[in-house]
Amino acid sequence: MIIMYEYLADIDLPVPFTDDFLSLVPRQRAMVNKLMHEGVISSYALSIESGKLWINIIAESEDNVRTLIDSFPIAEHIFYRVHKLTFHNSINFKIPDFSVN
């Protein structure tokens, strides 16, 4: 049985953003969307103002997380730290159903 853990990647982005970095954003978003769909990434939060990115990743080990982050299109432009989480509580955000009263 494979045991999976949740990790938080705390990522520093290059500030100010360079044209080279910005040109990688569409590929980065496509990769993240795919990984979210596959259940590898459980959340992805960005603060442009502080140049920070936080990603919750489900993986077997910290080495697997580092390998994944190093494969990101933006990898050459970032510095990151990985933290193994003891737990992570969240409420799933859902847009309310439309009502035609």
N, C-alpha and C. Protein backbone atom coordinates (compact mmCIF):
# COMPACT_ATOMS: atom_id res chain seq x y z
N MET A 1 0.84 -1.18 0.00
CA MET A 1 0.00 0.00 0.00
C MET A 1 0.89 1.25 0.00
N ILE A 2 0.61 2.15 -0.89
CA ILE A 2 1.37 3.40 -0.99
C ILE A 2 0.73 4.44 -0.07
N ILE A 3 1.53 5.05 0.77
CA ILE A 3 1.05 6.10 1.65
C ILE A 3 1.40 7.45 1.03
N MET A 4 0.39 8.29 0.89
CA MET A 4 0.58 9.61 0.31
C MET A 4 0.49 10.66 1.43
N TYR A 5 1.24 11.72 1.27
CA TYR A 5 1.26 12.81 2.24
C TYR A 5 0.95 14.11 1.51
N GLU A 6 0.57 15.11 2.30
CA GLU A 6 0.34 16.43 1.71
C GLU A 6 1.50 17.35 2.09
N TYR A 7 1.98 18.07 1.10
CA TYR A 7 3.10 19.00 1.26
C TYR A 7 2.68 20.39 0.81
N LEU A 8 3.28 21.38 1.45
CA LEU A 8 3.08 22.76 1.03
C LEU A 8 4.37 23.26 0.41
N ALA A 9 4.28 23.68 -0.84
CA ALA A 9 5.42 24.32 -1.51
C ALA A 9 5.26 25.82 -1.36
N ASP A 10 6.22 26.46 -0.72
CA ASP A 10 6.23 27.90 -0.49
C ASP A 10 7.24 28.47 -1.48
N ILE A 11 6.73 29.15 -2.50
CA ILE A 11 7.55 29.52 -3.66
C ILE A 11 7.71 31.04 -3.75
N ASP A 12 8.97 31.47 -3.92
CA ASP A 12 9.28 32.88 -4.18
C ASP A 12 9.41 33.07 -5.68
N LEU A 13 8.64 34.01 -6.22
CA LEU A 13 8.67 34.32 -7.64
C LEU A 13 9.63 35.48 -7.90
N PRO A 14 10.13 35.61 -9.13
CA PRO A 14 11.03 36.73 -9.43
C PRO A 14 10.25 38.04 -9.48
N VAL A 15 10.68 39.01 -8.69
CA VAL A 15 10.03 40.31 -8.67
C VAL A 15 11.07 41.35 -9.01
N PRO A 16 10.82 42.19 -10.00
CA PRO A 16 9.63 42.22 -10.85
C PRO A 16 9.65 41.07 -11.86
N PHE A 17 8.45 40.74 -12.36
CA PHE A 17 8.35 39.66 -13.35
C PHE A 17 9.04 40.08 -14.64
N THR A 18 9.85 39.20 -15.17
CA THR A 18 10.52 39.47 -16.44
C THR A 18 9.65 38.99 -17.60
N ASP A 19 9.93 39.47 -18.79
CA ASP A 19 9.19 39.01 -19.97
C ASP A 19 9.40 37.51 -20.18
N ASP A 20 10.61 37.04 -19.92
CA ASP A 20 10.91 35.61 -20.05
C ASP A 20 10.04 34.79 -19.10
N PHE A 21 9.94 35.24 -17.84
CA PHE A 21 9.10 34.55 -16.86
C PHE A 21 7.64 34.58 -17.29
N LEU A 22 7.14 35.74 -17.66
CA LEU A 22 5.73 35.87 -18.06
C LEU A 22 5.39 35.02 -19.27
N SER A 23 6.34 34.81 -20.16
CA SER A 23 6.08 33.98 -21.34
C SER A 23 5.86 32.51 -20.97
N LEU A 24 6.30 32.11 -19.78
CA LEU A 24 6.14 30.72 -19.32
C LEU A 24 4.82 30.49 -18.59
N VAL A 25 4.12 31.55 -18.22
CA VAL A 25 2.90 31.42 -17.42
C VAL A 25 1.83 30.56 -18.08
N PRO A 26 1.52 30.70 -19.38
CA PRO A 26 0.50 29.83 -19.98
C PRO A 26 0.84 28.34 -19.87
N ARG A 27 2.09 27.97 -20.08
CA ARG A 27 2.50 26.56 -19.95
C ARG A 27 2.41 26.11 -18.49
N GLN A 28 2.79 27.00 -17.57
CA GLN A 28 2.70 26.69 -16.14
C GLN A 28 1.25 26.43 -15.75
N ARG A 29 0.35 27.30 -16.17
CA ARG A 29 -1.07 27.15 -15.82
C ARG A 29 -1.65 25.87 -16.41
N ALA A 30 -1.27 25.53 -17.63
CA ALA A 30 -1.76 24.29 -18.26
C ALA A 30 -1.29 23.08 -17.47
N MET A 31 -0.03 23.09 -17.05
CA MET A 31 0.50 21.97 -16.27
C MET A 31 -0.20 21.86 -14.92
N VAL A 32 -0.39 22.99 -14.25
CA VAL A 32 -1.07 23.00 -12.95
C VAL A 32 -2.50 22.50 -13.09
N ASN A 33 -3.21 22.96 -14.11
CA ASN A 33 -4.59 22.50 -14.32
C ASN A 33 -4.65 21.00 -14.51
N LYS A 34 -3.71 20.44 -15.27
CA LYS A 34 -3.65 18.99 -15.49
C LYS A 34 -3.39 18.27 -14.17
N LEU A 35 -2.43 18.76 -13.38
CA LEU A 35 -2.09 18.13 -12.11
C LEU A 35 -3.23 18.25 -11.10
N MET A 36 -3.99 19.34 -11.15
CA MET A 36 -5.16 19.47 -10.27
C MET A 36 -6.23 18.46 -10.68
N HIS A 37 -6.45 18.33 -11.96
CA HIS A 37 -7.43 17.36 -12.47
C HIS A 37 -7.05 15.94 -12.06
N GLU A 38 -5.74 15.65 -12.02
CA GLU A 38 -5.26 14.32 -11.65
C GLU A 38 -5.22 14.12 -10.13
N GLY A 39 -5.47 15.17 -9.35
CA GLY A 39 -5.45 15.06 -7.89
C GLY A 39 -4.07 15.18 -7.27
N VAL A 40 -3.07 15.56 -8.05
CA VAL A 40 -1.71 15.72 -7.52
C VAL A 40 -1.59 17.05 -6.78
N ILE A 41 -2.16 18.10 -7.34
CA ILE A 41 -2.19 19.41 -6.69
C ILE A 41 -3.59 19.62 -6.13
N SER A 42 -3.67 19.92 -4.82
CA SER A 42 -4.99 20.12 -4.21
C SER A 42 -5.35 21.59 -4.09
N SER A 43 -4.36 22.48 -4.09
CA SER A 43 -4.65 23.91 -4.11
C SER A 43 -3.45 24.68 -4.64
N TYR A 44 -3.74 25.88 -5.17
CA TYR A 44 -2.73 26.69 -5.84
C TYR A 44 -3.11 28.14 -5.58
N ALA A 45 -2.29 28.88 -4.85
CA ALA A 45 -2.62 30.26 -4.50
C ALA A 45 -1.46 31.17 -4.87
N LEU A 46 -1.79 32.33 -5.44
CA LEU A 46 -0.80 33.27 -5.93
C LEU A 46 -1.04 34.65 -5.33
N SER A 47 0.03 35.31 -4.89
CA SER A 47 -0.02 36.71 -4.50
C SER A 47 0.98 37.46 -5.38
N ILE A 48 0.46 38.16 -6.37
CA ILE A 48 1.33 38.94 -7.26
C ILE A 48 2.02 40.05 -6.46
N GLU A 49 1.27 40.66 -5.52
CA GLU A 49 1.82 41.77 -4.74
C GLU A 49 3.06 41.38 -3.95
N SER A 50 3.06 40.16 -3.40
CA SER A 50 4.23 39.74 -2.61
C SER A 50 5.15 38.80 -3.36
N GLY A 51 4.81 38.47 -4.61
CA GLY A 51 5.66 37.59 -5.40
C GLY A 51 5.75 36.19 -4.80
N LYS A 52 4.61 35.69 -4.30
CA LYS A 52 4.59 34.39 -3.64
C LYS A 52 3.57 33.47 -4.31
N LEU A 53 3.89 32.19 -4.25
CA LEU A 53 3.01 31.14 -4.76
C LEU A 53 3.02 30.03 -3.73
N TRP A 54 1.83 29.51 -3.39
CA TRP A 54 1.72 28.40 -2.45
C TRP A 54 0.96 27.28 -3.14
N ILE A 55 1.53 26.09 -3.09
CA ILE A 55 0.91 24.94 -3.74
C ILE A 55 0.84 23.79 -2.75
N ASN A 56 -0.35 23.20 -2.60
CA ASN A 56 -0.49 21.98 -1.81
C ASN A 56 -0.40 20.81 -2.78
N ILE A 57 0.52 19.90 -2.49
CA ILE A 57 0.82 18.78 -3.38
C ILE A 57 0.69 17.47 -2.62
N ILE A 58 0.03 16.49 -3.23
CA ILE A 58 -0.11 15.15 -2.66
C ILE A 58 0.97 14.28 -3.30
N ALA A 59 1.83 13.68 -2.45
CA ALA A 59 2.94 12.88 -2.97
C ALA A 59 3.41 11.87 -1.93
N GLU A 60 4.21 10.91 -2.39
CA GLU A 60 4.78 9.90 -1.50
C GLU A 60 5.90 10.45 -0.63
N SER A 61 6.65 11.42 -1.16
CA SER A 61 7.82 11.90 -0.44
C SER A 61 8.16 13.33 -0.84
N GLU A 62 8.98 13.96 -0.03
CA GLU A 62 9.45 15.30 -0.35
C GLU A 62 10.28 15.29 -1.63
N ASP A 63 11.04 14.22 -1.85
CA ASP A 63 11.82 14.10 -3.09
C ASP A 63 10.91 14.13 -4.31
N ASN A 64 9.75 13.45 -4.23
CA ASN A 64 8.80 13.47 -5.34
C ASN A 64 8.26 14.88 -5.58
N VAL A 65 8.02 15.61 -4.49
CA VAL A 65 7.54 16.99 -4.61
C VAL A 65 8.60 17.85 -5.30
N ARG A 66 9.84 17.71 -4.88
CA ARG A 66 10.93 18.50 -5.47
C ARG A 66 11.11 18.17 -6.95
N THR A 67 11.00 16.89 -7.29
CA THR A 67 11.10 16.49 -8.70
C THR A 67 9.98 17.13 -9.52
N LEU A 68 8.77 17.15 -8.95
CA LEU A 68 7.64 17.76 -9.64
C LEU A 68 7.86 19.26 -9.84
N ILE A 69 8.23 19.97 -8.78
CA ILE A 69 8.43 21.41 -8.88
C ILE A 69 9.56 21.73 -9.86
N ASP A 70 10.61 20.93 -9.83
CA ASP A 70 11.73 21.15 -10.75
C ASP A 70 11.35 20.93 -12.21
N SER A 71 10.21 20.26 -12.45
CA SER A 71 9.74 20.04 -13.82
C SER A 71 8.80 21.16 -14.30
N PHE A 72 8.44 22.09 -13.41
CA PHE A 72 7.56 23.20 -13.80
C PHE A 72 8.25 24.06 -14.85
N PRO A 73 7.48 24.60 -15.80
CA PRO A 73 8.06 25.53 -16.78
C PRO A 73 8.78 26.72 -16.14
N ILE A 74 8.30 27.16 -14.97
CA ILE A 74 8.89 28.33 -14.30
C ILE A 74 10.05 27.97 -13.37
N ALA A 75 10.44 26.71 -13.32
CA ALA A 75 11.40 26.22 -12.31
C ALA A 75 12.71 27.00 -12.26
N GLU A 76 13.23 27.41 -13.39
CA GLU A 76 14.51 28.12 -13.40
C GLU A 76 14.43 29.53 -12.82
N HIS A 77 13.21 30.02 -12.59
CA HIS A 77 13.01 31.39 -12.14
C HIS A 77 12.57 31.50 -10.69
N ILE A 78 12.48 30.38 -9.98
CA ILE A 78 11.90 30.40 -8.63
C ILE A 78 12.87 29.84 -7.59
N PHE A 79 12.58 30.19 -6.33
CA PHE A 79 13.22 29.58 -5.17
C PHE A 79 12.08 29.03 -4.33
N TYR A 80 12.23 27.83 -3.77
CA TYR A 80 11.12 27.26 -3.00
C TYR A 80 11.59 26.48 -1.78
N ARG A 81 10.65 26.32 -0.86
CA ARG A 81 10.80 25.48 0.32
C ARG A 81 9.62 24.53 0.36
N VAL A 82 9.84 23.31 0.84
CA VAL A 82 8.78 22.31 0.92
C VAL A 82 8.57 21.94 2.38
N HIS A 83 7.30 21.91 2.79
CA HIS A 83 6.94 21.58 4.17
C HIS A 83 5.95 20.41 4.14
N LYS A 84 6.24 19.36 4.89
CA LYS A 84 5.29 18.25 5.03
C LYS A 84 4.23 18.69 6.03
N LEU A 85 2.97 18.58 5.63
CA LEU A 85 1.88 19.04 6.48
C LEU A 85 1.39 17.91 7.38
N THR A 86 1.07 18.26 8.61
CA THR A 86 0.45 17.31 9.53
C THR A 86 -1.01 17.13 9.15
N PHE A 87 -1.67 18.24 8.85
CA PHE A 87 -3.02 18.20 8.30
C PHE A 87 -3.30 19.52 7.60
N HIS A 88 -4.35 19.52 6.79
CA HIS A 88 -4.76 20.71 6.06
C HIS A 88 -6.28 20.67 5.95
N ASN A 89 -6.94 21.56 6.65
CA ASN A 89 -8.39 21.65 6.59
C ASN A 89 -8.78 22.75 5.61
N SER A 90 -9.82 22.50 4.84
CA SER A 90 -10.31 23.54 3.94
C SER A 90 -11.78 23.27 3.63
N ILE A 91 -12.42 24.31 3.18
CA ILE A 91 -13.81 24.20 2.74
C ILE A 91 -13.78 24.29 1.23
N ASN A 92 -14.39 23.34 0.56
CA ASN A 92 -14.45 23.40 -0.90
C ASN A 92 -15.34 24.56 -1.30
N PHE A 93 -14.83 25.41 -2.17
CA PHE A 93 -15.58 26.55 -2.65
C PHE A 93 -16.50 26.10 -3.77
N LYS A 94 -17.76 26.46 -3.67
CA LYS A 94 -18.72 26.13 -4.72
C LYS A 94 -19.57 27.35 -5.00
N ILE A 95 -19.71 27.67 -6.26
CA ILE A 95 -20.60 28.76 -6.65
C ILE A 95 -22.03 28.25 -6.47
N PRO A 96 -22.87 29.03 -5.77
CA PRO A 96 -24.25 28.58 -5.56
C PRO A 96 -24.98 28.33 -6.88
N ASP A 97 -25.89 27.35 -6.85
CA ASP A 97 -26.69 27.06 -8.03
C ASP A 97 -27.57 28.26 -8.36
N PHE A 98 -27.77 28.48 -9.65
CA PHE A 98 -28.60 29.58 -10.12
C PHE A 98 -30.06 29.26 -9.85
N SER A 99 -30.79 30.24 -9.32
CA SER A 99 -32.21 30.06 -9.04
C SER A 99 -33.02 31.03 -9.89
N VAL A 100 -34.09 30.53 -10.48
CA VAL A 100 -34.95 31.37 -11.33
C VAL A 100 -36.28 31.66 -10.63
N ASN A 101 -36.23 32.06 -9.40
CA ASN A 101 -37.44 32.30 -8.59
C ASN A 101 -38.51 32.93 -9.40
